[in-house]
Protein backbone atom coordinates (compact mmCIF):
# COMPACT_ATOMS: atom_id res chain seq x y z
CA MET A 1 55.88 42.36 -3.91
CA THR A 2 57.48 45.72 -2.98
CA ALA A 3 55.41 45.88 0.19
CA ILE A 4 56.46 42.36 1.10
CA ILE A 5 60.13 43.25 0.72
CA LYS A 6 59.68 46.37 2.89
CA LYS A 7 58.13 44.26 5.63
CA ALA A 8 60.76 41.56 5.37
CA ILE A 9 63.76 43.90 5.25
CA HIS A 10 63.73 43.96 9.06
CA ASP A 11 64.19 40.18 9.02
CA PRO A 12 66.76 39.20 6.35
CA ARG A 13 66.29 35.53 7.15
CA LYS A 14 62.60 35.71 6.26
CA LEU A 15 63.37 37.82 3.17
CA MET A 16 65.80 35.24 1.79
CA PHE A 17 63.43 32.39 2.61
CA TYR A 18 60.49 33.83 0.69
CA MET A 19 62.54 35.15 -2.21
CA TYR A 20 63.39 31.53 -3.00
CA PHE A 21 59.72 30.79 -3.67
CA TYR A 22 59.24 33.84 -5.88
CA MET A 23 62.31 33.01 -7.96
CA LEU A 24 61.28 29.38 -8.47
CA TYR A 25 57.75 30.44 -9.33
CA PHE A 26 58.78 32.95 -12.00
CA LYS A 27 61.35 30.53 -13.40
CA ARG A 28 58.71 27.85 -13.91
CA ARG A 29 56.30 30.34 -15.43
CA LEU A 30 58.95 31.57 -17.87
CA LEU A 31 59.67 27.99 -18.86
CA GLY A 32 56.06 27.63 -19.91
CA GLU A 33 54.84 25.49 -17.04
CA ALA A 34 51.46 27.21 -17.09
CA ARG A 35 49.20 25.77 -14.44
CA HIS A 36 46.28 27.29 -12.62
CA ALA A 37 44.63 26.58 -9.29
CA GLN A 38 41.42 27.85 -7.75
CA ILE A 39 41.64 28.31 -3.97
CA TYR A 40 38.31 28.39 -2.17
CA GLY A 41 38.78 30.06 1.22
CA THR A 42 41.99 31.56 2.59
CA PHE A 43 45.35 32.04 0.89
CA GLY A 44 48.62 33.76 1.75
CA ARG A 45 52.36 33.38 2.17
CA ALA A 46 52.20 31.85 5.64
CA TYR A 47 50.18 28.87 4.42
CA LEU A 48 51.72 25.63 3.20
CA VAL A 49 49.50 25.70 0.10
CA TRP A 50 51.06 29.00 -1.04
CA LYS A 51 54.56 27.54 -0.90
CA LEU A 52 53.66 24.27 -2.62
CA LEU A 53 51.94 26.02 -5.52
CA ARG A 54 54.78 28.54 -5.90
CA LEU A 55 57.40 25.80 -6.07
CA ASN A 56 55.37 24.06 -8.77
CA GLY A 57 54.81 27.22 -10.80
CA VAL A 58 51.05 27.15 -10.24
CA ARG A 59 49.18 30.44 -10.47
CA ALA A 60 46.47 30.63 -7.82
CA THR A 61 43.22 32.55 -7.81
CA ARG A 62 41.35 32.89 -4.53
CA HIS A 63 37.58 32.71 -4.28
CA SER A 64 35.08 32.75 -1.45
CA LEU A 65 33.24 29.57 -0.52
CA LYS A 66 30.03 30.91 -2.04
CA ASP A 67 31.71 30.75 -5.45
CA LEU A 68 32.51 27.07 -5.11
CA ARG A 69 29.30 25.63 -6.52
CA GLU A 70 28.95 28.28 -9.21
CA ARG A 71 32.38 27.47 -10.63
CA GLU A 72 31.94 23.68 -10.57
CA ARG A 73 31.94 23.28 -14.35
CA GLU A 74 34.95 25.51 -14.84
CA ARG A 75 36.91 23.41 -12.35
CA GLU A 76 36.81 20.53 -14.79
CA ARG A 77 39.25 22.41 -17.00
CA GLU A 78 41.64 23.53 -14.25
CA THR A 79 44.84 21.89 -13.13
CA ILE A 80 43.70 21.79 -9.54
CA CYS A 81 41.26 23.25 -7.06
CA TRP A 82 41.66 23.39 -3.31
CA LEU A 83 39.12 23.75 -0.50
CA HIS A 84 41.17 25.79 1.96
CA CYS A 85 39.16 27.33 4.79
CA ASP A 86 40.29 28.10 8.33
CA GLU A 87 36.89 27.33 9.87
CA THR A 88 36.38 24.21 12.00
CA THR A 89 33.28 23.25 10.02
CA ILE A 90 32.66 24.30 6.43
CA ASP A 91 29.16 24.68 5.07
CA VAL A 92 29.51 23.40 1.51
CA ASP A 93 26.64 22.13 -0.60
CA ASP A 94 26.47 18.32 -0.79
CA SER A 95 26.41 18.46 -4.59
CA VAL A 96 29.89 19.97 -4.47
CA THR A 97 31.48 17.75 -1.83
CA THR A 98 30.21 14.59 -3.49
CA HIS A 99 31.16 15.64 -7.01
CA ASP A 100 33.67 13.23 -8.52
CA HIS A 101 36.46 15.69 -9.23
CA PRO A 102 39.83 13.97 -8.67
CA ARG A 103 41.76 17.21 -8.33
CA CYS A 104 39.65 19.08 -5.79
CA ILE A 105 41.89 18.79 -2.75
CA ASN A 106 40.31 18.42 0.70
CA ARG A 107 36.79 18.59 -0.73
CA TYR A 108 35.56 16.11 1.91
CA ALA A 109 37.40 17.59 4.89
CA VAL A 110 34.53 19.81 6.01
CA ASP A 111 34.64 19.07 9.75
CA ILE A 112 37.97 19.18 11.57
CA GLY A 113 36.49 19.48 15.06
CA LYS A 114 38.15 17.36 17.73
CA GLN A 115 35.02 15.27 18.26
CA HIS A 116 35.01 14.24 14.62
CA VAL A 117 38.77 13.65 14.72
CA ASP A 118 38.27 11.20 17.59
CA GLU A 119 35.44 9.38 15.83
CA VAL A 120 37.54 8.77 12.71
CA PHE A 121 40.59 7.97 14.83
CA TYR A 122 38.65 5.26 16.68
CA SER A 123 37.39 3.75 13.43
CA VAL A 124 40.98 3.32 12.19
CA PHE A 125 43.03 2.69 15.34
CA GLY A 126 40.45 0.92 17.51
CA TYR A 127 40.98 3.05 20.64
CA ARG A 128 39.90 6.54 21.64
CA LEU A 129 41.33 9.77 22.94
CA CYS A 130 37.97 11.10 24.14
CA ILE A 131 36.61 9.87 27.47
CA ASP A 132 33.34 10.17 29.39
CA PRO A 133 34.08 12.93 31.92
CA ASN A 134 31.14 11.87 34.10
CA THR A 135 32.74 8.51 34.88
CA TYR A 136 36.47 8.90 34.14
CA SER A 137 38.62 9.16 37.27
CA GLY A 138 41.90 11.00 36.91
CA PRO A 139 43.38 13.95 35.01
CA ILE A 140 41.32 15.08 32.01
CA VAL A 141 42.20 17.53 29.25
CA LYS A 142 39.34 19.91 28.50
CA LYS A 143 39.67 21.62 25.10
CA SER A 144 37.43 23.53 22.76
CA ASN A 145 36.05 21.50 19.88
CA ARG A 146 37.15 24.37 17.64
CA ASN A 147 40.41 24.02 15.78
CA ALA A 148 43.49 26.09 16.75
CA ALA A 149 41.91 27.45 19.97
CA HIS A 150 44.96 26.47 22.10
CA ASP A 151 42.77 26.63 25.21
CA GLY A 152 43.49 23.23 26.76
CA GLN A 153 43.34 22.88 30.52
CA ILE A 154 43.84 19.95 32.86
CA ILE A 155 40.97 19.18 35.22
CA SER A 156 40.23 16.31 37.59
CA GLY A 157 37.58 13.75 36.75
CA PRO A 158 34.91 12.76 37.16
CA VAL A 159 33.06 16.04 36.58
CA ASP A 160 29.41 16.88 37.11
CA ALA A 161 28.74 19.46 34.38
CA ILE A 162 29.74 18.95 30.74
CA ASP A 163 30.19 21.90 28.37
CA PRO A 164 28.87 20.86 24.91
CA ASP A 165 31.33 23.18 23.16
CA TYR A 166 34.29 21.29 24.60
CA VAL A 167 35.76 17.82 24.30
CA TYR A 168 37.17 15.83 27.20
CA LEU A 169 40.33 13.85 26.51
CA ARG A 170 42.63 11.53 28.38
CA LEU A 171 45.89 13.20 29.38
CA ILE A 172 48.68 11.76 27.25
CA ASP A 173 52.09 11.41 28.87
CA ASN A 174 54.30 12.85 26.15
CA GLN A 175 56.84 14.38 28.51
CA HIS A 176 60.38 14.68 27.16
CA GLY A 177 63.09 15.18 29.75
CA ASN A 178 62.33 17.18 32.87
CA ASP A 179 60.43 20.18 31.55
CA LEU A 180 59.38 19.57 27.95
CA VAL A 181 56.73 17.69 25.99
CA ILE A 182 57.14 16.47 22.42
CA ASP A 183 54.47 16.79 19.73
CA TYR A 184 54.82 15.14 16.33
CA ARG A 185 53.52 17.08 13.34
CA PRO A 186 53.48 14.88 10.22
CA LEU A 187 52.46 16.14 6.79
CA VAL A 188 50.34 13.74 4.77
CA ILE A 189 49.77 14.29 1.06
CA GLY A 190 47.61 11.71 -0.64
CA ASN A 191 49.21 8.31 -0.09
CA GLU A 192 52.42 9.62 1.47
CA MET A 193 53.60 10.83 4.84
CA VAL A 194 56.15 13.34 3.62
CA TYR A 195 57.95 14.59 6.71
CA VAL A 196 57.51 15.10 10.45
CA TYR A 197 58.18 18.16 12.57
CA CYS A 198 59.20 17.26 16.12
CA LYS A 199 58.04 20.15 18.30
CA TYR A 200 59.37 20.57 21.81
CA ARG A 201 57.20 22.69 24.13
CA PRO A 202 57.47 23.74 27.78
CA LEU A 203 55.61 21.31 30.03
CA ASP A 204 53.87 24.19 31.79
CA HIS A 205 52.62 25.59 28.45
CA ARG A 206 51.96 22.33 26.64
CA PHE A 207 48.69 23.54 25.07
CA LEU A 208 50.07 26.80 23.68
CA ASN A 209 51.61 27.17 20.24
CA THR A 210 55.02 28.12 21.61
CA ASN A 211 57.96 25.91 20.73
CA LYS A 212 61.29 25.65 22.52
CA GLY A 213 62.68 23.85 19.48
CA VAL A 214 61.64 22.21 16.21
CA ASN A 215 63.41 19.47 14.26
CA LEU A 216 62.66 18.03 10.83
CA ARG A 217 62.58 14.23 10.76
CA THR A 218 61.72 11.51 8.27
CA PRO A 219 58.52 9.56 9.00
CA THR A 220 60.41 6.35 9.84
CA GLU A 221 62.46 8.19 12.47
CA CYS A 222 59.25 8.87 14.40
CA PHE A 223 56.79 6.10 13.50
CA SER A 224 56.76 2.43 12.61
CA GLU A 225 55.70 1.39 9.11
CA SER A 226 52.35 0.16 10.44
CA GLU A 227 51.78 3.46 12.25
CA ILE A 228 52.55 5.39 9.07
CA ASP A 229 50.08 3.23 7.14
CA SER A 230 47.42 3.80 9.80
CA VAL A 231 47.94 7.58 9.82
CA VAL A 232 47.63 7.71 6.02
CA LYS A 233 44.50 5.55 6.22
CA PHE A 234 43.10 7.91 8.85
CA CYS A 235 43.57 10.87 6.50
CA LYS A 236 41.76 9.03 3.72
CA GLU A 237 38.85 8.17 6.02
CA PHE A 238 38.82 11.76 7.25
CA GLY A 239 38.68 13.12 3.70
CA ALA A 240 41.90 15.12 4.06
CA ASP A 241 44.10 14.93 0.95
CA VAL A 242 46.69 17.40 2.26
CA CYS A 243 47.01 18.08 5.97
CA GLU A 244 49.31 18.30 8.94
CA LEU A 245 48.33 16.44 12.09
CA ASP A 246 49.15 16.77 15.75
CA VAL A 247 50.20 13.35 17.01
CA LEU A 248 51.18 12.42 20.57
CA ARG A 249 52.90 9.24 21.71
CA ASP A 250 52.08 8.02 25.20
CA ASN A 251 55.22 7.16 27.14
CA GLN A 252 53.46 4.48 29.16
CA THR A 253 51.74 2.50 26.39
CA GLN A 254 53.75 3.71 23.35
CA LYS A 255 50.45 4.15 21.52
CA ILE A 256 50.04 7.17 19.25
CA TYR A 257 47.04 9.49 19.33
CA ILE A 258 45.93 11.92 16.61
CA VAL A 259 44.63 14.95 18.49
CA ASP A 260 44.19 17.53 15.71
CA VAL A 261 43.90 17.76 11.94
CA ASN A 262 44.97 20.97 10.22
CA THR A 263 43.98 21.31 6.57
CA THR A 264 45.27 24.90 6.36
CA PRO A 265 48.66 24.65 8.08
CA HIS A 266 51.14 27.48 8.40
CA SER A 267 54.33 25.72 7.45
CA PRO A 268 57.19 25.52 8.09
CA PRO A 269 57.32 26.84 11.67
CA ASP A 270 59.15 30.13 12.16
CA ALA A 271 62.11 28.27 13.65
CA LEU A 272 62.64 26.55 10.29
CA LEU A 273 62.61 29.53 7.93
CA ASN A 274 65.98 28.33 6.72
CA ARG A 275 67.54 25.60 4.57
CA VAL A 276 65.88 22.90 6.64
CA GLY A 277 62.46 24.45 6.05
CA LEU A 278 63.18 24.79 2.34
CA ARG A 279 64.07 21.12 2.21
CA ALA A 280 60.73 20.25 3.80
CA MET A 281 58.86 22.44 1.31
CA ARG A 282 60.64 20.85 -1.65
CA LEU A 283 59.75 17.38 -0.40
CA ALA A 284 56.13 18.42 -0.06
CA ALA A 285 56.01 20.18 -3.44
CA ASN A 286 57.42 17.08 -5.16
CA SER A 287 54.83 14.88 -3.48
CA LEU A 288 52.02 17.19 -4.55
CA ARG A 289 53.31 17.25 -8.13
CA ARG A 290 53.56 13.46 -8.33
CA GLN A 291 50.07 12.84 -7.02
CA TYR A 292 47.94 15.80 -8.03
CA LEU A 293 49.55 17.89 -10.76
CA ARG A 294 50.24 15.37 -13.46
CA SER A 295 48.07 15.65 -16.55
């Protein structure tokens, strides 16, 4: 913790933000709220999972994916376990992912590639984001199937050669004002859409993870009730118990499109390392406690 304070001393805002989580965590531990979680994959302060477990007083132990099957029996006695890996596809033994363990979060979310996202999206919403680049005429977004690559580029269709490592998507008109686009980033936990980040990005850098501004909104400020229900249903079909999604709304049709699923989100964004971000984390921690941490 000393090293963390030394690093954060150059940014008092970040120091105060993270100290809140440490204080709440130790308070809950002192009050006897002894809970334990096994994290299989990645874990650290930047991740949403770290903040949610800290606010609930849950002590986390990180393990590699190869330990997942070996510790299957022990998981029965734990408060919670969490499959939390940054890879696009996770190679987990079928006997683990099909095991009926109600508190193993995201145990079925083993493929977050954009192709799979589109397949599940179509099964729930009835329309697609992906197109056939050989026949589609007009602007096409070419992006890596890998998650978090931020390598999107706009090309003209139809095209002759298709790269199998990429997906080809219709260009969504999500322009906001003269020089911005707006991306919606809802958090879904179990049966609830908890909050939505509205991210405003420069039109010329729409595929990069650089925000001109971020606002916290309630789900009903951004989506209709039927859209919220469909997004939650999508997450269930996808196998994602806790995730943030990238959602675009087309200005022409007003339809929404889920373009990415992130089961290991860094949250909140740096712009919200303040009271607004803390409010979002408390909302999420309460939702997690209601649905996954009760005995």
